[in-house]
N, C-alpha and C. Protein backbone atom coordinates (compact mmCIF):
# COMPACT_ATOMS: atom_id res chain seq x y z
N MET A 1 0.85 -1.18 0.00
CA MET A 1 0.00 0.00 0.00
C MET A 1 0.89 1.24 0.00
N ASN A 2 0.62 2.13 -0.89
CA ASN A 2 1.42 3.35 -0.97
C ASN A 2 0.76 4.45 -0.17
N LEU A 3 1.39 4.78 0.94
CA LEU A 3 0.90 5.84 1.80
C LEU A 3 1.86 7.02 1.74
N ARG A 4 1.31 8.21 1.74
CA ARG A 4 2.15 9.39 1.87
C ARG A 4 2.67 9.44 3.31
N GLU A 5 3.72 10.21 3.53
CA GLU A 5 4.35 10.24 4.85
C GLU A 5 3.35 10.61 5.96
N TYR A 6 2.54 11.62 5.74
CA TYR A 6 1.58 12.04 6.78
C TYR A 6 0.51 10.96 7.00
N GLN A 7 0.15 10.21 5.95
CA GLN A 7 -0.81 9.11 6.11
C GLN A 7 -0.19 7.97 6.91
N GLN A 8 1.08 7.66 6.63
CA GLN A 8 1.78 6.61 7.36
C GLN A 8 1.88 6.95 8.84
N LYS A 9 2.11 8.23 9.16
CA LYS A 9 2.17 8.65 10.57
C LYS A 9 0.84 8.38 11.26
N ALA A 10 -0.26 8.62 10.57
CA ALA A 10 -1.59 8.36 11.15
C ALA A 10 -1.80 6.87 11.39
N VAL A 11 -1.39 6.04 10.44
CA VAL A 11 -1.52 4.59 10.58
C VAL A 11 -0.64 4.10 11.73
N GLU A 12 0.56 4.63 11.85
CA GLU A 12 1.45 4.26 12.96
C GLU A 12 0.84 4.66 14.30
N TRP A 13 0.25 5.85 14.37
CA TRP A 13 -0.42 6.30 15.60
C TRP A 13 -1.55 5.34 15.95
N ALA A 14 -2.27 4.90 14.94
CA ALA A 14 -3.42 4.01 15.16
C ALA A 14 -3.01 2.64 15.70
N LYS A 15 -1.75 2.30 15.60
CA LYS A 15 -1.28 1.03 16.17
C LYS A 15 -1.19 1.11 17.69
N THR A 16 -1.16 2.32 18.23
CA THR A 16 -0.99 2.50 19.67
C THR A 16 -2.21 3.09 20.36
N SER A 17 -3.16 3.61 19.59
CA SER A 17 -4.31 4.29 20.18
C SER A 17 -5.47 4.31 19.20
N ASP A 18 -6.68 4.39 19.74
CA ASP A 18 -7.80 4.71 18.87
C ASP A 18 -8.23 6.13 19.21
N GLY A 19 -9.13 6.67 18.42
CA GLY A 19 -9.57 8.04 18.65
C GLY A 19 -9.97 8.72 17.35
N LEU A 20 -9.94 10.03 17.38
CA LEU A 20 -10.38 10.86 16.27
C LEU A 20 -9.17 11.26 15.43
N ILE A 21 -9.28 11.06 14.12
CA ILE A 21 -8.23 11.48 13.20
C ILE A 21 -8.78 12.64 12.39
N ILE A 22 -8.15 13.78 12.57
CA ILE A 22 -8.59 15.01 11.92
C ILE A 22 -7.60 15.31 10.80
N ALA A 23 -8.12 15.46 9.58
CA ALA A 23 -7.25 15.71 8.43
C ALA A 23 -8.02 16.52 7.40
N PRO A 24 -7.33 17.38 6.65
CA PRO A 24 -8.01 18.23 5.66
C PRO A 24 -8.72 17.43 4.58
N ALA A 25 -9.71 18.03 3.98
CA ALA A 25 -10.40 17.43 2.84
C ALA A 25 -9.36 17.14 1.76
N GLY A 26 -9.47 15.96 1.15
CA GLY A 26 -8.56 15.59 0.08
C GLY A 26 -7.26 14.98 0.54
N SER A 27 -7.09 14.78 1.84
CA SER A 27 -5.82 14.25 2.36
C SER A 27 -5.78 12.72 2.36
N GLY A 28 -6.89 12.08 2.02
CA GLY A 28 -6.90 10.62 1.95
C GLY A 28 -7.34 9.94 3.23
N LYS A 29 -8.31 10.52 3.91
CA LYS A 29 -8.80 9.92 5.16
C LYS A 29 -9.35 8.51 4.93
N THR A 30 -10.05 8.29 3.84
CA THR A 30 -10.61 6.96 3.56
C THR A 30 -9.49 5.95 3.35
N TRP A 31 -8.44 6.35 2.66
CA TRP A 31 -7.30 5.48 2.44
C TRP A 31 -6.58 5.17 3.75
N ILE A 32 -6.48 6.17 4.63
CA ILE A 32 -5.88 5.94 5.95
C ILE A 32 -6.71 4.92 6.72
N ALA A 33 -8.03 5.10 6.71
CA ALA A 33 -8.92 4.17 7.43
C ALA A 33 -8.78 2.75 6.89
N ALA A 34 -8.77 2.60 5.57
CA ALA A 34 -8.60 1.27 4.97
C ALA A 34 -7.25 0.68 5.35
N SER A 35 -6.23 1.50 5.42
CA SER A 35 -4.88 1.04 5.78
C SER A 35 -4.83 0.60 7.24
N ILE A 36 -5.57 1.28 8.10
CA ILE A 36 -5.64 0.88 9.51
C ILE A 36 -6.28 -0.51 9.62
N ILE A 37 -7.37 -0.71 8.91
CA ILE A 37 -8.01 -2.03 8.92
C ILE A 37 -7.07 -3.09 8.36
N LYS A 38 -6.40 -2.79 7.26
CA LYS A 38 -5.45 -3.73 6.67
C LYS A 38 -4.36 -4.10 7.67
N ASN A 39 -3.87 -3.11 8.41
CA ASN A 39 -2.85 -3.37 9.43
C ASN A 39 -3.36 -4.33 10.48
N TYR A 40 -4.57 -4.10 11.00
CA TYR A 40 -5.12 -4.98 12.02
C TYR A 40 -5.46 -6.35 11.46
N GLN A 41 -5.89 -6.39 10.20
CA GLN A 41 -6.18 -7.68 9.56
C GLN A 41 -4.91 -8.52 9.48
N ASN A 42 -3.78 -7.87 9.20
CA ASN A 42 -2.51 -8.56 9.11
C ASN A 42 -2.00 -9.04 10.47
N CYS A 43 -2.49 -8.41 11.55
CA CYS A 43 -2.02 -8.75 12.91
C CYS A 43 -2.66 -10.02 13.45
N GLY A 44 -3.83 -10.36 12.98
CA GLY A 44 -4.48 -11.55 13.50
C GLY A 44 -5.76 -11.86 12.76
N SER A 45 -6.06 -13.13 12.69
CA SER A 45 -7.27 -13.53 11.97
C SER A 45 -8.49 -13.47 12.89
N GLY A 46 -9.62 -13.40 12.28
CA GLY A 46 -10.86 -13.46 13.02
C GLY A 46 -11.37 -12.12 13.53
N LEU A 47 -10.62 -11.04 13.31
CA LEU A 47 -11.10 -9.73 13.75
C LEU A 47 -12.28 -9.30 12.87
N ARG A 48 -13.23 -8.63 13.49
CA ARG A 48 -14.42 -8.17 12.77
C ARG A 48 -14.46 -6.65 12.79
N PHE A 49 -14.74 -6.07 11.63
CA PHE A 49 -14.67 -4.62 11.47
C PHE A 49 -16.00 -4.05 11.01
N GLY A 50 -16.31 -2.85 11.51
CA GLY A 50 -17.47 -2.10 11.06
C GLY A 50 -17.02 -0.77 10.50
N TRP A 51 -17.82 -0.22 9.59
CA TRP A 51 -17.51 1.09 8.99
C TRP A 51 -18.83 1.82 8.84
N LEU A 52 -18.95 2.97 9.47
CA LEU A 52 -20.16 3.78 9.41
C LEU A 52 -19.89 5.01 8.56
N ALA A 53 -20.68 5.20 7.52
CA ALA A 53 -20.51 6.33 6.60
C ALA A 53 -21.88 6.95 6.32
N PRO A 54 -21.93 8.27 6.08
CA PRO A 54 -23.22 8.96 6.02
C PRO A 54 -24.06 8.74 4.77
N THR A 55 -23.46 8.34 3.66
CA THR A 55 -24.22 8.22 2.40
C THR A 55 -23.84 6.94 1.66
N ARG A 56 -24.67 6.56 0.70
CA ARG A 56 -24.34 5.40 -0.13
C ARG A 56 -23.02 5.62 -0.88
N GLU A 57 -22.81 6.88 -1.32
CA GLU A 57 -21.58 7.18 -2.05
C GLU A 57 -20.35 7.03 -1.17
N THR A 58 -20.42 7.47 0.08
CA THR A 58 -19.26 7.32 0.96
C THR A 58 -19.07 5.86 1.38
N CYS A 59 -20.16 5.11 1.44
CA CYS A 59 -20.03 3.66 1.69
C CYS A 59 -19.33 3.00 0.51
N GLN A 60 -19.69 3.38 -0.71
CA GLN A 60 -19.06 2.81 -1.89
C GLN A 60 -17.58 3.19 -1.94
N GLN A 61 -17.27 4.43 -1.58
CA GLN A 61 -15.88 4.87 -1.54
C GLN A 61 -15.09 4.01 -0.54
N ALA A 62 -15.70 3.71 0.61
CA ALA A 62 -15.05 2.87 1.61
C ALA A 62 -14.78 1.48 1.05
N ARG A 63 -15.79 0.88 0.43
CA ARG A 63 -15.63 -0.46 -0.12
C ARG A 63 -14.53 -0.51 -1.18
N THR A 64 -14.48 0.51 -2.03
CA THR A 64 -13.45 0.57 -3.07
C THR A 64 -12.06 0.67 -2.45
N SER A 65 -11.91 1.53 -1.46
CA SER A 65 -10.61 1.68 -0.79
C SER A 65 -10.19 0.39 -0.10
N LEU A 66 -11.13 -0.29 0.52
CA LEU A 66 -10.83 -1.55 1.19
C LEU A 66 -10.37 -2.61 0.18
N ARG A 67 -11.04 -2.68 -0.97
CA ARG A 67 -10.64 -3.64 -2.00
C ARG A 67 -9.23 -3.35 -2.51
N VAL A 68 -8.96 -2.05 -2.78
CA VAL A 68 -7.63 -1.66 -3.27
C VAL A 68 -6.57 -2.00 -2.22
N ALA A 69 -6.92 -1.88 -0.95
CA ALA A 69 -5.98 -2.19 0.13
C ALA A 69 -5.81 -3.69 0.33
N GLY A 70 -6.66 -4.48 -0.32
CA GLY A 70 -6.55 -5.94 -0.20
C GLY A 70 -7.30 -6.51 0.98
N VAL A 71 -8.31 -5.79 1.45
CA VAL A 71 -9.12 -6.27 2.57
C VAL A 71 -10.35 -6.98 1.99
N PRO A 72 -10.58 -8.24 2.36
CA PRO A 72 -11.74 -8.97 1.83
C PRO A 72 -13.07 -8.32 2.24
N ASP A 73 -14.00 -8.26 1.31
CA ASP A 73 -15.31 -7.65 1.55
C ASP A 73 -16.01 -8.20 2.78
N GLU A 74 -15.88 -9.51 2.99
CA GLU A 74 -16.67 -10.16 4.03
C GLU A 74 -16.23 -9.86 5.45
N ILE A 75 -15.06 -9.23 5.64
CA ILE A 75 -14.65 -8.97 7.03
C ILE A 75 -14.97 -7.55 7.50
N VAL A 76 -15.49 -6.70 6.60
CA VAL A 76 -15.85 -5.33 6.98
C VAL A 76 -17.32 -5.09 6.62
N ASP A 77 -18.10 -4.74 7.62
CA ASP A 77 -19.50 -4.42 7.45
C ASP A 77 -19.62 -2.91 7.27
N VAL A 78 -19.77 -2.45 6.02
CA VAL A 78 -19.87 -1.03 5.71
C VAL A 78 -21.35 -0.65 5.67
N ARG A 79 -21.73 0.29 6.50
CA ARG A 79 -23.15 0.63 6.62
C ARG A 79 -23.38 2.13 6.73
N CYS A 80 -24.54 2.57 6.23
CA CYS A 80 -25.05 3.91 6.52
C CYS A 80 -25.81 3.82 7.84
N PRO A 81 -25.93 4.93 8.58
CA PRO A 81 -26.63 4.87 9.86
C PRO A 81 -28.11 4.56 9.66
N HIS A 82 -28.60 3.63 10.43
CA HIS A 82 -30.00 3.23 10.40
C HIS A 82 -30.28 2.55 11.72
N GLU A 83 -31.52 2.56 12.15
CA GLU A 83 -31.85 2.00 13.47
C GLU A 83 -31.49 0.52 13.60
N SER A 84 -31.35 -0.19 12.48
CA SER A 84 -31.02 -1.62 12.55
C SER A 84 -29.51 -1.89 12.65
N VAL A 85 -28.68 -0.86 12.51
CA VAL A 85 -27.23 -1.07 12.53
C VAL A 85 -26.78 -1.32 13.96
N ASP A 86 -26.04 -2.41 14.12
CA ASP A 86 -25.54 -2.81 15.44
C ASP A 86 -24.14 -3.37 15.26
N PHE A 87 -23.17 -2.74 15.91
CA PHE A 87 -21.78 -3.16 15.79
C PHE A 87 -21.27 -3.81 17.07
N THR A 88 -22.16 -4.42 17.87
CA THR A 88 -21.74 -5.02 19.14
C THR A 88 -20.74 -6.15 18.95
N LYS A 89 -20.76 -6.81 17.81
CA LYS A 89 -19.87 -7.95 17.58
C LYS A 89 -18.62 -7.56 16.77
N LYS A 90 -18.36 -6.27 16.69
CA LYS A 90 -17.19 -5.80 15.94
C LYS A 90 -16.04 -5.48 16.89
N ASP A 91 -14.83 -5.75 16.42
CA ASP A 91 -13.64 -5.46 17.20
C ASP A 91 -13.11 -4.06 16.94
N MET A 92 -13.54 -3.48 15.82
CA MET A 92 -13.11 -2.13 15.47
C MET A 92 -14.19 -1.46 14.63
N LEU A 93 -14.32 -0.14 14.83
CA LEU A 93 -15.28 0.64 14.06
C LEU A 93 -14.60 1.86 13.48
N ILE A 94 -14.82 2.07 12.19
CA ILE A 94 -14.39 3.30 11.50
C ILE A 94 -15.64 4.17 11.35
N VAL A 95 -15.53 5.45 11.69
CA VAL A 95 -16.65 6.37 11.54
C VAL A 95 -16.22 7.50 10.61
N ASP A 96 -16.80 7.50 9.42
CA ASP A 96 -16.53 8.54 8.44
C ASP A 96 -17.44 9.73 8.74
N GLU A 97 -16.92 10.94 8.54
CA GLU A 97 -17.66 12.17 8.85
C GLU A 97 -18.10 12.14 10.32
N ALA A 98 -17.12 11.98 11.19
CA ALA A 98 -17.37 11.81 12.62
C ALA A 98 -18.11 12.98 13.26
N LYS A 99 -18.17 14.11 12.59
CA LYS A 99 -18.90 15.26 13.13
C LYS A 99 -20.36 14.91 13.44
N HIS A 100 -20.90 13.90 12.75
CA HIS A 100 -22.29 13.49 12.96
C HIS A 100 -22.47 12.62 14.20
N SER A 101 -21.38 12.22 14.82
CA SER A 101 -21.42 11.24 15.91
C SER A 101 -22.23 11.67 17.11
N ALA A 102 -22.37 12.94 17.35
CA ALA A 102 -23.12 13.42 18.51
C ALA A 102 -24.62 13.25 18.34
N ALA A 103 -25.10 13.06 17.12
CA ALA A 103 -26.53 12.82 16.89
C ALA A 103 -26.93 11.51 17.56
N ALA A 104 -28.11 11.47 18.13
CA ALA A 104 -28.54 10.32 18.95
C ALA A 104 -28.43 8.99 18.21
N GLY A 105 -28.87 8.92 16.97
CA GLY A 105 -28.81 7.67 16.22
C GLY A 105 -27.39 7.22 15.97
N TRP A 106 -26.54 8.14 15.54
CA TRP A 106 -25.13 7.81 15.32
C TRP A 106 -24.49 7.38 16.63
N ARG A 107 -24.75 8.13 17.69
CA ARG A 107 -24.13 7.84 18.99
C ARG A 107 -24.48 6.42 19.45
N ARG A 108 -25.74 6.03 19.30
CA ARG A 108 -26.16 4.68 19.69
C ARG A 108 -25.39 3.62 18.92
N ILE A 109 -25.24 3.83 17.62
CA ILE A 109 -24.52 2.88 16.78
C ILE A 109 -23.05 2.80 17.20
N ILE A 110 -22.42 3.94 17.40
CA ILE A 110 -21.00 3.97 17.76
C ILE A 110 -20.79 3.33 19.13
N GLU A 111 -21.65 3.65 20.07
CA GLU A 111 -21.52 3.08 21.42
C GLU A 111 -21.76 1.57 21.44
N SER A 112 -22.41 1.04 20.40
CA SER A 112 -22.62 -0.41 20.35
C SER A 112 -21.31 -1.16 20.15
N CYS A 113 -20.29 -0.50 19.63
CA CYS A 113 -18.98 -1.12 19.43
C CYS A 113 -18.13 -0.93 20.68
N ASN A 114 -17.80 -2.03 21.33
CA ASN A 114 -16.95 -1.96 22.51
C ASN A 114 -15.48 -2.08 22.18
N GLY A 115 -15.18 -2.26 20.91
CA GLY A 115 -13.79 -2.38 20.48
C GLY A 115 -13.18 -1.02 20.18
N LEU A 116 -12.17 -1.03 19.33
CA LEU A 116 -11.49 0.20 18.93
C LEU A 116 -12.43 1.06 18.10
N ARG A 117 -12.32 2.37 18.26
CA ARG A 117 -13.14 3.31 17.49
C ARG A 117 -12.23 4.38 16.89
N TYR A 118 -12.34 4.53 15.57
CA TYR A 118 -11.60 5.57 14.87
C TYR A 118 -12.59 6.46 14.14
N GLY A 119 -12.61 7.73 14.49
CA GLY A 119 -13.44 8.71 13.80
C GLY A 119 -12.57 9.51 12.85
N PHE A 120 -13.11 9.83 11.68
CA PHE A 120 -12.39 10.61 10.68
C PHE A 120 -13.21 11.82 10.29
N ASP A 121 -12.56 12.98 10.25
CA ASP A 121 -13.27 14.20 9.84
C ASP A 121 -12.27 15.30 9.54
N ALA A 122 -12.67 16.20 8.65
CA ALA A 122 -11.86 17.38 8.36
C ALA A 122 -12.22 18.52 9.31
N THR A 123 -13.49 18.59 9.67
CA THR A 123 -13.98 19.69 10.52
C THR A 123 -14.92 19.15 11.59
N PRO A 124 -14.39 18.48 12.60
CA PRO A 124 -15.26 17.83 13.58
C PRO A 124 -15.90 18.77 14.61
N TRP A 125 -15.28 19.90 14.90
CA TRP A 125 -15.73 20.72 16.02
C TRP A 125 -16.77 21.75 15.59
N SER A 126 -17.64 22.09 16.52
CA SER A 126 -18.68 23.09 16.27
C SER A 126 -18.63 24.15 17.37
N ASP A 127 -19.57 25.08 17.31
CA ASP A 127 -19.68 26.12 18.35
C ASP A 127 -20.39 25.60 19.59
N ASP A 128 -20.87 24.37 19.55
CA ASP A 128 -21.63 23.79 20.65
C ASP A 128 -20.69 22.96 21.54
N PRO A 129 -20.33 23.46 22.71
CA PRO A 129 -19.39 22.72 23.57
C PRO A 129 -19.93 21.36 24.03
N GLU A 130 -21.24 21.25 24.21
CA GLU A 130 -21.83 19.97 24.64
C GLU A 130 -21.66 18.91 23.54
N ARG A 131 -21.92 19.31 22.31
CA ARG A 131 -21.75 18.40 21.17
C ARG A 131 -20.29 17.97 21.04
N ASN A 132 -19.38 18.92 21.20
CA ASN A 132 -17.95 18.61 21.12
C ASN A 132 -17.53 17.63 22.22
N GLU A 133 -18.10 17.79 23.40
CA GLU A 133 -17.76 16.90 24.51
C GLU A 133 -18.24 15.48 24.22
N ILE A 134 -19.42 15.33 23.64
CA ILE A 134 -19.93 14.01 23.25
C ILE A 134 -18.97 13.37 22.25
N LEU A 135 -18.53 14.14 21.28
CA LEU A 135 -17.60 13.65 20.26
C LEU A 135 -16.30 13.19 20.91
N ARG A 136 -15.78 14.00 21.83
CA ARG A 136 -14.54 13.62 22.52
C ARG A 136 -14.71 12.30 23.27
N LYS A 137 -15.80 12.14 23.98
CA LYS A 137 -16.03 10.92 24.77
C LYS A 137 -16.18 9.69 23.88
N LEU A 138 -16.91 9.85 22.76
CA LEU A 138 -17.10 8.72 21.86
C LEU A 138 -15.77 8.19 21.32
N PHE A 139 -14.81 9.11 21.16
CA PHE A 139 -13.51 8.71 20.60
C PHE A 139 -12.41 8.81 21.65
N ARG A 140 -12.81 8.52 22.89
CA ARG A 140 -11.89 8.31 24.01
C ARG A 140 -10.99 9.50 24.32
N ASP A 141 -11.45 10.70 23.93
CA ASP A 141 -10.73 11.95 24.21
C ASP A 141 -9.29 11.90 23.70
N THR A 142 -9.12 11.21 22.57
CA THR A 142 -7.80 11.07 21.96
C THR A 142 -7.91 11.48 20.50
N GLN A 143 -6.92 12.21 20.02
CA GLN A 143 -6.97 12.60 18.62
C GLN A 143 -5.58 12.70 18.02
N PHE A 144 -5.56 12.53 16.69
CA PHE A 144 -4.36 12.69 15.88
C PHE A 144 -4.74 13.66 14.78
N GLU A 145 -3.94 14.71 14.61
CA GLU A 145 -4.30 15.71 13.61
C GLU A 145 -3.22 15.83 12.54
N ILE A 146 -3.68 15.84 11.30
CA ILE A 146 -2.82 16.12 10.16
C ILE A 146 -3.14 17.56 9.76
N ARG A 147 -2.14 18.41 9.86
CA ARG A 147 -2.36 19.82 9.52
C ARG A 147 -2.19 20.03 8.01
N ARG A 148 -2.86 21.00 7.50
CA ARG A 148 -2.80 21.30 6.07
C ARG A 148 -1.35 21.50 5.60
N ASP A 149 -0.51 22.14 6.43
CA ASP A 149 0.87 22.39 6.00
C ASP A 149 1.69 21.11 5.89
N GLU A 150 1.22 20.00 6.48
CA GLU A 150 1.92 18.72 6.37
C GLU A 150 1.70 18.06 5.00
N LEU A 151 0.72 18.54 4.27
CA LEU A 151 0.42 17.94 2.98
C LEU A 151 1.43 18.34 1.91
N ALA A 152 2.25 19.33 2.19
CA ALA A 152 3.38 19.73 1.35
C ALA A 152 3.03 19.79 -0.14
N GLY A 153 1.99 20.49 -0.46
CA GLY A 153 1.64 20.68 -1.86
C GLY A 153 0.96 19.51 -2.52
N VAL A 154 0.50 18.52 -1.73
CA VAL A 154 -0.17 17.35 -2.30
C VAL A 154 -1.52 17.72 -2.90
N LEU A 155 -2.23 18.62 -2.24
CA LEU A 155 -3.56 18.99 -2.73
C LEU A 155 -3.42 19.91 -3.94
N ALA A 156 -4.28 19.70 -4.91
CA ALA A 156 -4.27 20.54 -6.12
C ALA A 156 -4.84 21.91 -5.80
N HIS A 157 -4.27 22.92 -6.40
CA HIS A 157 -4.82 24.26 -6.26
C HIS A 157 -6.03 24.36 -7.17
N ALA A 158 -7.09 24.95 -6.66
CA ALA A 158 -8.32 25.02 -7.45
C ALA A 158 -9.11 26.25 -7.07
N THR A 159 -9.95 26.65 -7.97
CA THR A 159 -10.91 27.72 -7.71
C THR A 159 -12.28 27.08 -7.63
N VAL A 160 -13.01 27.39 -6.59
CA VAL A 160 -14.34 26.82 -6.40
C VAL A 160 -15.38 27.85 -6.80
N PHE A 161 -16.30 27.46 -7.67
CA PHE A 161 -17.39 28.32 -8.08
C PHE A 161 -18.68 27.80 -7.47
N MET A 162 -19.43 28.66 -6.83
CA MET A 162 -20.71 28.28 -6.23
C MET A 162 -21.82 28.80 -7.14
N ASN A 163 -22.66 27.92 -7.59
CA ASN A 163 -23.77 28.28 -8.46
C ASN A 163 -25.05 28.19 -7.65
N ASP A 164 -25.84 29.24 -7.67
CA ASP A 164 -27.07 29.22 -6.88
C ASP A 164 -28.31 29.11 -7.77
N ALA A 165 -28.16 28.52 -8.93
CA ALA A 165 -29.28 28.34 -9.83
C ALA A 165 -30.36 27.47 -9.16
N THR A 166 -31.60 27.85 -9.36
CA THR A 166 -32.69 27.09 -8.76
C THR A 166 -33.41 26.20 -9.75
N ASP A 167 -33.08 26.32 -11.02
CA ASP A 167 -33.71 25.50 -12.05
C ASP A 167 -32.96 24.18 -12.16
N LEU A 168 -33.53 23.12 -11.60
CA LEU A 168 -32.87 21.83 -11.62
C LEU A 168 -32.92 21.21 -13.01
């Protein structure tokens, strides 16, 4: 697996702790998460993994990254949040877009996993201190941050245009 230096640092950190991984948009958070699972898969057989993602598209992105990383489909349960999702039998949980974790439904799903929990987000914190405290507790008050300046020009420079057209 080809990881950039800052991604490898995150994977190495994940070998010693679980928690929240904060990294800029476009830094490869999904690839880091897949690499963490691949690392644990290589450490021992029989581990069970869960992955919570907010949309079908982000679930598909997770599945694609896992396949590219060489992780068999059957050992990772990739799911969108729904009342039927239960990760009690998982040894590790990846939470994509962890900022949503404070919501009651997400929180119930995350708390169902008694194993390792890794949350991923570019912008996890809000102006609501209570919400931030819930997020910290869910991810064991531990975090690893990749700062934008660590990306060393990896992200493409772009201009973003916002269109407010109402005619679909």
